[in-house]
């Protein structure tokens, strides 16, 4: 479990295809902060995707990425030198600075527009149709592993406002129009939908 508060801007060191057809991949990432107390089997979110550490040494960690994850996220587009948002799993005794983030990416969007402001920047992101019902104005959404508040929402896009800290310390300050981002909607919305659906079916019996 994560909170969407990025701890470190890491860098991809290597991307190694895995398997006969190269459908999976092994990522090696430089991140001295998140590896300071990490070990084999620990979880680290990379651009919002929960990955399991298989090796960890000298400020770097390695994780395997299966085909399902490559298909559902933007991790397949990473190359050596790519910056990535990193966050360690949240301790039970820690503060929930953002919102409950599972690290299970629901889909990807693309940056449609960036509008600079005096002390912030408004970024508009495309929203897949099957995720739109889970996103509400002033609700929470995770973009590339960053917990953000939805400033406004339309039928096929939403906007967020990024403060200077977010622009400086995460990939969101570096991505341009057209770049892909990983999206994870608030899991509470999905549970509510599931429960209400089950209740509706029971009442019709």
N, C-alpha and C. Protein backbone atom coordinates (compact mmCIF):
# COMPACT_ATOMS: atom_id res chain seq x y z
N UNK A 1 0.84 -1.19 0.00
CA UNK A 1 0.00 0.00 0.00
C UNK A 1 0.88 1.24 0.00
N UNK A 2 0.44 2.26 -0.74
CA UNK A 2 1.21 3.50 -0.86
C UNK A 2 0.29 4.69 -0.57
N UNK A 3 0.87 5.89 -0.55
CA UNK A 3 0.07 7.08 -0.28
C UNK A 3 0.10 8.08 -1.43
N UNK A 4 0.93 7.83 -2.45
CA UNK A 4 1.00 8.75 -3.57
C UNK A 4 1.86 9.97 -3.30
N UNK A 5 2.67 9.91 -2.24
CA UNK A 5 3.62 10.98 -1.96
C UNK A 5 5.00 10.51 -2.40
N UNK A 6 5.45 11.00 -3.54
CA UNK A 6 6.71 10.54 -4.13
C UNK A 6 7.88 10.90 -3.24
N UNK A 7 8.74 9.91 -2.97
CA UNK A 7 9.89 10.14 -2.10
C UNK A 7 11.13 10.57 -2.86
N UNK A 8 11.21 10.14 -4.12
CA UNK A 8 12.46 10.36 -4.84
C UNK A 8 12.23 10.27 -6.34
N UNK A 9 12.96 11.08 -7.07
CA UNK A 9 12.97 11.00 -8.53
C UNK A 9 14.17 10.13 -8.91
N UNK A 10 13.89 8.89 -9.30
CA UNK A 10 14.96 7.96 -9.65
C UNK A 10 15.25 7.99 -11.14
N UNK A 11 16.13 7.09 -11.56
CA UNK A 11 16.50 7.01 -12.98
C UNK A 11 16.66 5.56 -13.40
N UNK A 12 16.10 5.23 -14.55
CA UNK A 12 16.23 3.87 -15.09
C UNK A 12 17.67 3.67 -15.55
N UNK A 13 18.28 2.59 -15.08
CA UNK A 13 19.66 2.27 -15.44
C UNK A 13 19.68 1.28 -16.60
N UNK A 14 18.78 0.29 -16.55
CA UNK A 14 18.76 -0.73 -17.60
C UNK A 14 17.36 -1.30 -17.75
N UNK A 15 17.03 -1.68 -18.98
CA UNK A 15 15.78 -2.38 -19.30
C UNK A 15 16.17 -3.64 -20.07
N UNK A 16 15.92 -4.81 -19.48
CA UNK A 16 16.33 -6.07 -20.09
C UNK A 16 15.11 -6.90 -20.45
N UNK A 17 14.91 -7.20 -21.74
CA UNK A 17 13.79 -8.07 -22.13
C UNK A 17 13.94 -9.45 -21.48
N UNK A 18 12.81 -10.05 -21.11
CA UNK A 18 12.81 -11.36 -20.45
C UNK A 18 11.90 -12.30 -21.22
N UNK A 19 12.33 -13.55 -21.39
CA UNK A 19 11.51 -14.53 -22.09
C UNK A 19 11.91 -14.63 -23.55
N UNK A 20 11.47 -15.72 -24.17
CA UNK A 20 11.83 -15.98 -25.57
C UNK A 20 11.38 -14.87 -26.50
N UNK A 21 10.21 -14.33 -26.25
CA UNK A 21 9.68 -13.29 -27.12
C UNK A 21 9.86 -11.89 -26.54
N UNK A 22 10.50 -11.81 -25.38
CA UNK A 22 10.75 -10.51 -24.76
C UNK A 22 9.50 -9.80 -24.31
N UNK A 23 8.46 -10.58 -23.94
CA UNK A 23 7.19 -9.96 -23.55
C UNK A 23 7.21 -9.40 -22.14
N UNK A 24 8.13 -9.88 -21.30
CA UNK A 24 8.31 -9.32 -19.97
C UNK A 24 9.61 -8.52 -19.96
N UNK A 25 9.89 -7.87 -18.84
CA UNK A 25 11.11 -7.06 -18.77
C UNK A 25 11.64 -7.04 -17.35
N UNK A 26 12.93 -6.77 -17.25
CA UNK A 26 13.57 -6.58 -15.95
C UNK A 26 14.12 -5.16 -15.91
N UNK A 27 13.68 -4.40 -14.91
CA UNK A 27 14.11 -3.01 -14.77
C UNK A 27 15.15 -2.88 -13.67
N UNK A 28 16.19 -2.12 -13.94
CA UNK A 28 17.14 -1.75 -12.90
C UNK A 28 17.09 -0.24 -12.76
N UNK A 29 16.87 0.22 -11.52
CA UNK A 29 16.61 1.64 -11.26
C UNK A 29 17.50 2.16 -10.16
N UNK A 30 18.05 3.33 -10.38
CA UNK A 30 18.86 4.01 -9.38
C UNK A 30 17.96 4.85 -8.49
N UNK A 31 18.00 4.57 -7.19
CA UNK A 31 17.18 5.33 -6.24
C UNK A 31 17.74 5.15 -4.84
N UNK A 32 18.76 5.94 -4.47
CA UNK A 32 19.43 5.75 -3.18
C UNK A 32 18.53 5.93 -1.96
N UNK A 33 17.51 6.77 -2.07
CA UNK A 33 16.62 6.98 -0.92
C UNK A 33 15.75 5.76 -0.67
N UNK A 34 15.07 5.28 -1.72
CA UNK A 34 14.14 4.16 -1.52
C UNK A 34 14.86 2.83 -1.29
N UNK A 35 16.14 2.76 -1.67
CA UNK A 35 16.90 1.51 -1.45
C UNK A 35 17.66 1.52 -0.14
N UNK A 36 17.60 2.63 0.60
CA UNK A 36 18.38 2.75 1.84
C UNK A 36 18.01 1.69 2.86
N UNK A 37 16.75 1.25 2.86
CA UNK A 37 16.33 0.20 3.79
C UNK A 37 15.55 -0.90 3.08
N UNK A 38 15.71 -1.00 1.76
CA UNK A 38 14.96 -1.99 0.98
C UNK A 38 15.74 -3.29 0.88
N UNK A 39 15.00 -4.37 0.69
CA UNK A 39 15.62 -5.68 0.52
C UNK A 39 14.79 -6.53 -0.41
N UNK A 40 15.26 -7.72 -0.66
CA UNK A 40 14.56 -8.65 -1.55
C UNK A 40 13.12 -8.87 -1.07
N UNK A 41 12.16 -8.73 -1.99
CA UNK A 41 10.76 -8.96 -1.67
C UNK A 41 9.99 -7.72 -1.25
N UNK A 42 10.70 -6.61 -1.02
CA UNK A 42 10.01 -5.37 -0.66
C UNK A 42 9.29 -4.78 -1.87
N UNK A 43 8.32 -3.91 -1.60
CA UNK A 43 7.56 -3.26 -2.66
C UNK A 43 7.99 -1.81 -2.83
N UNK A 44 8.18 -1.41 -4.08
CA UNK A 44 8.48 -0.02 -4.42
C UNK A 44 7.61 0.36 -5.61
N UNK A 45 6.93 1.48 -5.51
CA UNK A 45 6.10 1.97 -6.61
C UNK A 45 6.97 2.74 -7.59
N UNK A 46 6.90 2.36 -8.86
CA UNK A 46 7.64 3.02 -9.93
C UNK A 46 6.63 3.66 -10.88
N UNK A 47 6.58 4.98 -10.89
CA UNK A 47 5.54 5.70 -11.65
C UNK A 47 4.15 5.16 -11.33
N UNK A 48 3.96 4.82 -10.05
CA UNK A 48 2.65 4.37 -9.60
C UNK A 48 2.39 2.90 -9.74
N UNK A 49 3.35 2.13 -10.24
CA UNK A 49 3.18 0.68 -10.40
C UNK A 49 3.93 -0.03 -9.29
N UNK A 50 3.23 -0.84 -8.52
CA UNK A 50 3.85 -1.59 -7.43
C UNK A 50 4.71 -2.71 -8.01
N UNK A 51 6.02 -2.66 -7.73
CA UNK A 51 6.95 -3.69 -8.19
C UNK A 51 7.65 -4.32 -7.00
N UNK A 52 8.04 -5.57 -7.16
CA UNK A 52 8.72 -6.31 -6.10
C UNK A 52 10.22 -6.32 -6.35
N UNK A 53 10.97 -5.94 -5.35
CA UNK A 53 12.43 -5.89 -5.46
C UNK A 53 12.99 -7.31 -5.52
N UNK A 54 13.78 -7.60 -6.55
CA UNK A 54 14.44 -8.90 -6.66
C UNK A 54 15.91 -8.82 -6.31
N UNK A 55 16.53 -7.66 -6.54
CA UNK A 55 17.93 -7.41 -6.17
C UNK A 55 18.05 -5.98 -5.71
N UNK A 56 18.97 -5.74 -4.77
CA UNK A 56 19.15 -4.38 -4.26
C UNK A 56 20.58 -4.21 -3.78
N UNK A 57 21.32 -3.27 -4.37
CA UNK A 57 22.70 -3.01 -3.96
C UNK A 57 23.17 -1.70 -4.58
N UNK A 58 24.04 -1.02 -3.85
CA UNK A 58 24.70 0.20 -4.36
C UNK A 58 23.72 1.25 -4.85
N UNK A 59 22.62 1.43 -4.11
CA UNK A 59 21.67 2.47 -4.46
C UNK A 59 20.79 2.15 -5.64
N UNK A 60 20.82 0.88 -6.08
CA UNK A 60 19.99 0.45 -7.20
C UNK A 60 19.14 -0.75 -6.80
N UNK A 61 18.02 -0.90 -7.47
CA UNK A 61 17.22 -2.11 -7.27
C UNK A 61 16.73 -2.62 -8.62
N UNK A 62 16.45 -3.91 -8.65
CA UNK A 62 15.96 -4.56 -9.87
C UNK A 62 14.60 -5.18 -9.59
N UNK A 63 13.71 -5.11 -10.56
CA UNK A 63 12.38 -5.69 -10.44
C UNK A 63 11.93 -6.25 -11.77
N UNK A 64 11.20 -7.34 -11.72
CA UNK A 64 10.65 -7.95 -12.93
C UNK A 64 9.27 -7.37 -13.21
N UNK A 65 9.00 -7.12 -14.48
CA UNK A 65 7.71 -6.55 -14.90
C UNK A 65 7.06 -7.51 -15.89
N UNK A 66 5.92 -8.05 -15.52
CA UNK A 66 5.24 -9.03 -16.37
C UNK A 66 4.51 -8.36 -17.53
N UNK A 67 4.12 -9.15 -18.50
CA UNK A 67 3.46 -8.64 -19.71
C UNK A 67 2.19 -7.86 -19.37
N UNK A 68 1.40 -8.38 -18.41
CA UNK A 68 0.16 -7.70 -18.02
C UNK A 68 0.44 -6.27 -17.58
N UNK A 69 1.49 -6.08 -16.81
CA UNK A 69 1.84 -4.75 -16.33
C UNK A 69 2.32 -3.86 -17.47
N UNK A 70 3.11 -4.42 -18.37
CA UNK A 70 3.58 -3.65 -19.53
C UNK A 70 2.41 -3.21 -20.41
N UNK A 71 1.40 -4.09 -20.53
CA UNK A 71 0.24 -3.77 -21.37
C UNK A 71 -0.64 -2.70 -20.75
N UNK A 72 -0.75 -2.68 -19.42
CA UNK A 72 -1.68 -1.78 -18.74
C UNK A 72 -1.06 -0.45 -18.32
N UNK A 73 0.26 -0.36 -18.36
CA UNK A 73 0.92 0.84 -17.88
C UNK A 73 1.88 1.39 -18.93
N UNK A 74 2.54 2.46 -18.56
CA UNK A 74 3.52 3.08 -19.47
C UNK A 74 4.94 2.61 -19.21
N UNK A 75 5.11 1.60 -18.35
CA UNK A 75 6.46 1.15 -18.03
C UNK A 75 7.19 0.59 -19.25
N UNK A 76 6.43 0.07 -20.22
CA UNK A 76 7.04 -0.47 -21.42
C UNK A 76 7.75 0.57 -22.26
N UNK A 77 7.45 1.85 -22.01
CA UNK A 77 8.08 2.93 -22.78
C UNK A 77 9.36 3.45 -22.13
N UNK A 78 9.70 2.91 -20.94
CA UNK A 78 10.90 3.38 -20.25
C UNK A 78 12.16 2.91 -20.96
N UNK A 79 13.17 3.76 -20.93
CA UNK A 79 14.48 3.44 -21.51
C UNK A 79 15.55 3.90 -20.52
N UNK A 80 16.78 3.41 -20.65
CA UNK A 80 17.83 3.89 -19.77
C UNK A 80 17.93 5.41 -19.79
N UNK A 81 17.97 5.99 -18.61
CA UNK A 81 18.00 7.44 -18.49
C UNK A 81 16.65 8.06 -18.18
N UNK A 82 15.56 7.29 -18.32
CA UNK A 82 14.22 7.83 -18.04
C UNK A 82 14.09 8.13 -16.54
N UNK A 83 13.56 9.32 -16.20
CA UNK A 83 13.28 9.60 -14.79
C UNK A 83 12.00 8.88 -14.36
N UNK A 84 11.95 8.44 -13.11
CA UNK A 84 10.77 7.73 -12.61
C UNK A 84 10.47 8.18 -11.18
N UNK A 85 9.18 8.24 -10.86
CA UNK A 85 8.75 8.55 -9.50
C UNK A 85 8.84 7.30 -8.65
N UNK A 86 9.44 7.42 -7.47
CA UNK A 86 9.63 6.26 -6.59
C UNK A 86 9.03 6.51 -5.21
N UNK A 87 8.39 5.47 -4.70
CA UNK A 87 7.83 5.52 -3.34
C UNK A 87 7.88 4.14 -2.72
N UNK A 88 8.39 4.07 -1.50
CA UNK A 88 8.36 2.81 -0.76
C UNK A 88 6.96 2.56 -0.21
N UNK A 89 6.66 1.30 0.08
CA UNK A 89 5.38 0.98 0.70
C UNK A 89 5.26 1.72 2.02
N UNK A 90 4.05 2.18 2.33
CA UNK A 90 3.84 2.97 3.54
C UNK A 90 3.82 2.07 4.78
N UNK A 91 4.54 2.46 5.84
CA UNK A 91 4.47 1.70 7.09
C UNK A 91 3.11 1.91 7.76
N UNK A 92 2.67 0.93 8.53
CA UNK A 92 1.37 1.03 9.21
C UNK A 92 1.34 2.23 10.14
N UNK A 93 2.49 2.57 10.72
CA UNK A 93 2.57 3.68 11.67
C UNK A 93 2.80 5.02 10.99
N UNK A 94 2.89 5.03 9.65
CA UNK A 94 3.19 6.26 8.94
C UNK A 94 1.97 7.15 8.73
N UNK A 95 2.23 8.35 8.18
CA UNK A 95 1.16 9.30 7.90
C UNK A 95 0.59 9.04 6.51
N UNK A 96 -0.71 9.17 6.37
CA UNK A 96 -1.37 9.03 5.07
C UNK A 96 -1.42 10.41 4.44
N UNK A 97 -0.29 10.82 3.84
CA UNK A 97 -0.18 12.18 3.32
C UNK A 97 -1.00 12.42 2.07
N UNK A 98 -1.26 11.36 1.29
CA UNK A 98 -2.05 11.51 0.07
C UNK A 98 -3.39 10.82 0.24
N UNK A 99 -3.56 9.68 -0.46
CA UNK A 99 -4.75 8.85 -0.26
C UNK A 99 -4.31 7.39 -0.43
N UNK A 100 -5.23 6.46 -0.24
CA UNK A 100 -4.89 5.05 -0.33
C UNK A 100 -4.59 4.69 -1.79
N UNK A 101 -3.34 4.30 -2.04
CA UNK A 101 -2.89 3.95 -3.39
C UNK A 101 -2.40 2.51 -3.36
N UNK A 102 -2.91 1.68 -4.26
CA UNK A 102 -2.52 0.27 -4.28
C UNK A 102 -1.30 -0.01 -5.13
N UNK A 103 -1.04 0.86 -6.09
CA UNK A 103 0.03 0.57 -7.03
C UNK A 103 -0.43 -0.36 -8.14
N UNK A 104 -1.75 -0.47 -8.30
CA UNK A 104 -2.34 -1.31 -9.35
C UNK A 104 -2.93 -0.38 -10.40
N UNK A 105 -2.17 -0.12 -11.44
CA UNK A 105 -2.58 0.85 -12.46
C UNK A 105 -3.83 0.38 -13.19
N UNK A 106 -4.80 1.28 -13.33
CA UNK A 106 -6.06 0.96 -14.00
C UNK A 106 -6.00 1.22 -15.50
N UNK A 107 -5.11 2.09 -15.92
CA UNK A 107 -5.01 2.42 -17.34
C UNK A 107 -4.03 3.57 -17.53
N UNK A 108 -3.94 4.05 -18.75
CA UNK A 108 -3.05 5.17 -19.03
C UNK A 108 -3.81 6.30 -19.69
N UNK A 109 -3.33 7.50 -19.47
CA UNK A 109 -3.85 8.68 -20.16
C UNK A 109 -2.69 9.40 -20.83
N UNK A 110 -3.00 10.48 -21.50
CA UNK A 110 -1.95 11.29 -22.12
C UNK A 110 -2.14 12.75 -21.74
N UNK A 111 -1.04 13.43 -21.57
CA UNK A 111 -1.12 14.85 -21.25
C UNK A 111 -1.61 15.60 -22.48
N UNK A 112 -2.70 16.32 -22.31
CA UNK A 112 -3.33 17.05 -23.42
C UNK A 112 -2.94 18.52 -23.45
N UNK A 113 -2.68 19.08 -22.27
CA UNK A 113 -2.43 20.52 -22.21
C UNK A 113 -1.73 20.87 -20.91
N UNK A 114 -0.84 21.87 -20.98
CA UNK A 114 -0.20 22.41 -19.79
C UNK A 114 -0.37 23.92 -19.80
N UNK A 115 -0.95 24.45 -18.73
CA UNK A 115 -1.20 25.89 -18.65
C UNK A 115 -0.49 26.45 -17.42
N UNK A 116 0.61 27.19 -17.61
CA UNK A 116 1.35 27.74 -16.48
C UNK A 116 0.53 28.81 -15.75
N UNK A 117 0.67 28.82 -14.42
CA UNK A 117 0.05 29.85 -13.60
C UNK A 117 1.11 30.61 -12.84
N UNK A 118 0.68 31.47 -11.94
CA UNK A 118 1.63 32.27 -11.16
C UNK A 118 2.47 31.40 -10.25
N UNK A 119 1.84 30.49 -9.50
CA UNK A 119 2.56 29.62 -8.57
C UNK A 119 2.20 28.16 -8.77
N UNK A 120 1.58 27.84 -9.86
CA UNK A 120 1.18 26.46 -10.11
C UNK A 120 1.04 26.26 -11.61
N UNK A 121 0.75 25.04 -12.00
CA UNK A 121 0.52 24.75 -13.41
C UNK A 121 -0.66 23.80 -13.51
N UNK A 122 -1.59 24.12 -14.38
CA UNK A 122 -2.74 23.25 -14.60
C UNK A 122 -2.43 22.30 -15.75
N UNK A 123 -2.63 21.01 -15.49
CA UNK A 123 -2.34 19.98 -16.49
C UNK A 123 -3.62 19.21 -16.77
N UNK A 124 -3.95 19.11 -18.05
CA UNK A 124 -5.15 18.36 -18.45
C UNK A 124 -4.71 17.02 -19.05
N UNK A 125 -5.37 15.95 -18.60
CA UNK A 125 -4.99 14.58 -18.95
C UNK A 125 -6.19 13.85 -19.54
N UNK A 126 -5.97 13.09 -20.60
CA UNK A 126 -7.07 12.30 -21.18
C UNK A 126 -7.48 11.20 -20.20
N UNK A 127 -8.74 10.82 -20.24
CA UNK A 127 -9.29 9.85 -19.30
C UNK A 127 -10.00 8.75 -20.07
N UNK A 128 -9.54 7.50 -19.95
CA UNK A 128 -10.22 6.39 -20.63
C UNK A 128 -11.69 6.30 -20.22
N UNK A 129 -12.54 5.97 -21.17
CA UNK A 129 -13.98 5.95 -20.92
C UNK A 129 -14.37 5.01 -19.79
N UNK A 130 -13.67 3.88 -19.66
CA UNK A 130 -14.05 2.92 -18.63
C UNK A 130 -13.62 3.34 -17.22
N UNK A 131 -12.86 4.42 -17.11
CA UNK A 131 -12.45 4.92 -15.79
C UNK A 131 -13.17 6.19 -15.39
N UNK A 132 -13.84 6.82 -16.33
CA UNK A 132 -14.43 8.14 -16.08
C UNK A 132 -15.42 8.13 -14.92
N UNK A 133 -16.17 7.05 -14.75
CA UNK A 133 -17.19 7.02 -13.70
C UNK A 133 -16.60 7.02 -12.29
N UNK A 134 -15.31 6.72 -12.16
CA UNK A 134 -14.68 6.68 -10.84
C UNK A 134 -14.03 8.01 -10.45
N UNK A 135 -14.03 8.97 -11.36
CA UNK A 135 -13.32 10.22 -11.12
C UNK A 135 -14.32 11.35 -10.91
N UNK A 136 -14.16 12.08 -9.81
CA UNK A 136 -15.07 13.18 -9.50
C UNK A 136 -14.27 14.43 -9.15
N UNK A 137 -14.88 15.59 -9.37
CA UNK A 137 -14.24 16.86 -9.02
C UNK A 137 -13.95 16.89 -7.53
N UNK A 138 -12.74 17.29 -7.17
CA UNK A 138 -12.23 17.36 -5.80
C UNK A 138 -11.94 15.99 -5.21
N UNK A 139 -12.10 14.94 -6.01
CA UNK A 139 -11.73 13.61 -5.57
C UNK A 139 -10.25 13.37 -5.80
N UNK A 140 -9.80 12.17 -5.45
CA UNK A 140 -8.38 11.83 -5.59
C UNK A 140 -8.14 10.94 -6.79
N UNK A 141 -6.98 11.13 -7.43
CA UNK A 141 -6.54 10.26 -8.51
C UNK A 141 -5.02 10.19 -8.45
N UNK A 142 -4.47 9.06 -8.86
CA UNK A 142 -3.02 8.90 -8.88
C UNK A 142 -2.53 8.98 -10.31
N UNK A 143 -1.60 9.90 -10.55
CA UNK A 143 -1.03 10.10 -11.89
C UNK A 143 0.47 9.84 -11.81
N UNK A 144 0.93 8.80 -12.47
CA UNK A 144 2.34 8.40 -12.39
C UNK A 144 2.80 8.26 -10.94
N UNK A 145 1.91 7.74 -10.10
CA UNK A 145 2.25 7.50 -8.71
C UNK A 145 2.10 8.68 -7.79
N UNK A 146 1.64 9.81 -8.32
CA UNK A 146 1.48 11.03 -7.52
C UNK A 146 0.01 11.20 -7.13
N UNK A 147 -0.26 11.31 -5.84
CA UNK A 147 -1.62 11.54 -5.37
C UNK A 147 -2.01 12.99 -5.65
N UNK A 148 -3.08 13.17 -6.44
CA UNK A 148 -3.51 14.51 -6.83
C UNK A 148 -5.00 14.68 -6.64
N UNK A 149 -5.41 15.94 -6.50
CA UNK A 149 -6.83 16.28 -6.39
C UNK A 149 -7.34 16.71 -7.75
N UNK A 150 -8.46 16.17 -8.17
CA UNK A 150 -9.05 16.51 -9.46
C UNK A 150 -9.63 17.92 -9.38
N UNK A 151 -9.10 18.82 -10.19
CA UNK A 151 -9.57 20.21 -10.19
C UNK A 151 -10.85 20.37 -11.00
N UNK A 152 -10.92 19.66 -12.12
CA UNK A 152 -12.12 19.69 -12.96
C UNK A 152 -12.15 18.43 -13.79
N UNK A 153 -13.34 18.10 -14.30
CA UNK A 153 -13.47 16.87 -15.08
C UNK A 153 -14.47 17.07 -16.21
N UNK A 154 -14.14 16.50 -17.36
CA UNK A 154 -15.04 16.49 -18.50
C UNK A 154 -15.37 15.06 -18.88
N UNK A 155 -15.95 14.86 -20.03
CA UNK A 155 -16.36 13.52 -20.45
C UNK A 155 -15.17 12.62 -20.73
N UNK A 156 -14.08 13.18 -21.25
CA UNK A 156 -12.96 12.34 -21.64
C UNK A 156 -11.62 12.88 -21.16
N UNK A 157 -11.64 13.77 -20.16
CA UNK A 157 -10.40 14.33 -19.64
C UNK A 157 -10.63 14.93 -18.26
N UNK A 158 -9.55 15.09 -17.52
CA UNK A 158 -9.63 15.76 -16.22
C UNK A 158 -8.41 16.67 -16.08
N UNK A 159 -8.50 17.60 -15.15
CA UNK A 159 -7.40 18.54 -14.93
C UNK A 159 -6.96 18.49 -13.48
N UNK A 160 -5.66 18.69 -13.27
CA UNK A 160 -5.09 18.78 -11.93
C UNK A 160 -4.22 20.02 -11.88
N UNK A 161 -4.06 20.57 -10.69
CA UNK A 161 -3.18 21.72 -10.50
C UNK A 161 -1.94 21.26 -9.76
N UNK A 162 -0.77 21.55 -10.33
CA UNK A 162 0.49 21.08 -9.75
C UNK A 162 1.24 22.23 -9.10
N UNK A 163 1.59 22.04 -7.82
CA UNK A 163 2.34 23.05 -7.09
C UNK A 163 3.82 22.95 -7.47
N UNK A 164 4.63 23.97 -7.15
CA UNK A 164 6.05 23.94 -7.51
C UNK A 164 6.79 22.70 -7.02
N UNK A 165 6.48 22.22 -5.81
CA UNK A 165 7.16 21.04 -5.28
C UNK A 165 6.92 19.83 -6.17
N UNK A 166 5.68 19.64 -6.61
CA UNK A 166 5.35 18.52 -7.48
C UNK A 166 6.05 18.66 -8.83
N UNK A 167 6.09 19.87 -9.35
CA UNK A 167 6.75 20.12 -10.63
C UNK A 167 8.25 19.86 -10.54
N UNK A 168 8.85 20.21 -9.41
CA UNK A 168 10.30 20.09 -9.25
C UNK A 168 10.74 18.67 -8.93
N UNK A 169 9.94 17.93 -8.16
CA UNK A 169 10.40 16.67 -7.58
C UNK A 169 9.80 15.42 -8.19
N UNK A 170 8.96 15.56 -9.22
CA UNK A 170 8.37 14.38 -9.86
C UNK A 170 8.47 14.49 -11.38
N UNK A 171 8.15 13.41 -12.04
CA UNK A 171 8.19 13.38 -13.51
C UNK A 171 7.15 14.30 -14.13
N UNK A 172 6.13 14.68 -13.36
CA UNK A 172 5.06 15.50 -13.93
C UNK A 172 5.54 16.89 -14.32
N UNK A 173 6.66 17.32 -13.77
CA UNK A 173 7.21 18.61 -14.17
C UNK A 173 8.03 18.53 -15.44
N UNK A 174 8.28 17.30 -15.90
CA UNK A 174 9.14 17.10 -17.06
C UNK A 174 8.41 16.59 -18.29
N UNK A 175 7.23 16.04 -18.10
CA UNK A 175 6.51 15.45 -19.23
C UNK A 175 5.82 16.52 -20.06
N UNK A 176 5.77 16.27 -21.38
CA UNK A 176 5.17 17.22 -22.29
C UNK A 176 3.85 16.74 -22.85
N UNK A 177 3.21 17.58 -23.62
CA UNK A 177 1.95 17.23 -24.26
C UNK A 177 2.15 15.99 -25.14
N UNK A 178 1.27 15.02 -24.98
CA UNK A 178 1.36 13.78 -25.73
C UNK A 178 2.01 12.64 -24.96
N UNK A 179 2.72 12.96 -23.88
CA UNK A 179 3.38 11.90 -23.10
C UNK A 179 2.36 11.08 -22.32
N UNK A 180 2.60 9.76 -22.20
CA UNK A 180 1.67 8.91 -21.45
C UNK A 180 1.92 8.99 -19.95
N UNK A 181 0.86 8.79 -19.18
CA UNK A 181 0.96 8.73 -17.72
C UNK A 181 0.10 7.58 -17.21
N UNK A 182 0.54 6.97 -16.12
CA UNK A 182 -0.22 5.89 -15.50
C UNK A 182 -1.31 6.47 -14.60
N UNK A 183 -2.49 5.86 -14.65
CA UNK A 183 -3.62 6.33 -13.85
C UNK A 183 -4.12 5.23 -12.93
N UNK A 184 -4.35 5.58 -11.68
CA UNK A 184 -5.03 4.68 -10.74
C UNK A 184 -6.13 5.47 -10.07
N UNK A 185 -7.36 5.02 -10.24
CA UNK A 185 -8.49 5.72 -9.62
C UNK A 185 -8.60 5.31 -8.15
N UNK A 186 -9.39 6.05 -7.42
CA UNK A 186 -9.58 5.78 -5.99
C UNK A 186 -10.26 4.43 -5.82
N UNK A 187 -9.59 3.51 -5.12
CA UNK A 187 -10.13 2.15 -4.96
C UNK A 187 -11.45 2.16 -4.20
N UNK A 188 -11.68 3.15 -3.36
CA UNK A 188 -12.94 3.22 -2.61
C UNK A 188 -14.13 3.36 -3.55
N UNK A 189 -13.93 4.10 -4.65
CA UNK A 189 -15.02 4.26 -5.62
C UNK A 189 -15.38 2.93 -6.26
N UNK A 190 -14.39 2.10 -6.52
CA UNK A 190 -14.64 0.80 -7.15
C UNK A 190 -15.35 -0.14 -6.19
N UNK A 191 -14.99 -0.09 -4.91
CA UNK A 191 -15.67 -0.93 -3.92
C UNK A 191 -17.12 -0.50 -3.75
N UNK A 192 -17.35 0.82 -3.72
CA UNK A 192 -18.73 1.31 -3.58
C UNK A 192 -19.57 0.84 -4.76
N UNK A 193 -19.04 0.96 -5.97
CA UNK A 193 -19.76 0.51 -7.15
C UNK A 193 -20.11 -0.97 -7.05
N UNK A 194 -19.15 -1.77 -6.62
CA UNK A 194 -19.36 -3.21 -6.50
C UNK A 194 -20.43 -3.53 -5.46
N UNK A 195 -20.36 -2.85 -4.32
CA UNK A 195 -21.33 -3.10 -3.26
C UNK A 195 -22.73 -2.67 -3.65
N UNK A 196 -22.85 -1.51 -4.29
CA UNK A 196 -24.15 -1.03 -4.71
C UNK A 196 -24.74 -1.94 -5.78
N UNK A 197 -23.89 -2.46 -6.66
CA UNK A 197 -24.35 -3.39 -7.68
C UNK A 197 -24.88 -4.66 -7.08
N UNK A 198 -24.17 -5.18 -6.07
CA UNK A 198 -24.61 -6.41 -5.40
C UNK A 198 -25.92 -6.17 -4.66
N UNK A 199 -26.05 -5.00 -4.01
CA UNK A 199 -27.27 -4.69 -3.29
C UNK A 199 -28.47 -4.59 -4.25
N UNK A 200 -28.23 -4.00 -5.40
CA UNK A 200 -29.29 -3.86 -6.38
C UNK A 200 -29.77 -5.19 -6.89
N UNK A 201 -28.86 -6.13 -7.10
CA UNK A 201 -29.23 -7.45 -7.59
C UNK A 201 -30.03 -8.21 -6.54
N UNK A 202 -29.62 -8.05 -5.26
CA UNK A 202 -30.34 -8.74 -4.20
C UNK A 202 -31.75 -8.23 -4.04
N UNK A 203 -31.93 -6.90 -4.18
CA UNK A 203 -33.25 -6.30 -3.99
C UNK A 203 -34.22 -6.68 -5.12
N UNK A 204 -33.67 -7.11 -6.25
CA UNK A 204 -34.54 -7.48 -7.39
C UNK A 204 -34.94 -8.95 -7.37
N UNK A 205 -34.44 -9.69 -6.38
CA UNK A 205 -34.78 -11.10 -6.33
C UNK A 205 -36.20 -11.31 -5.79
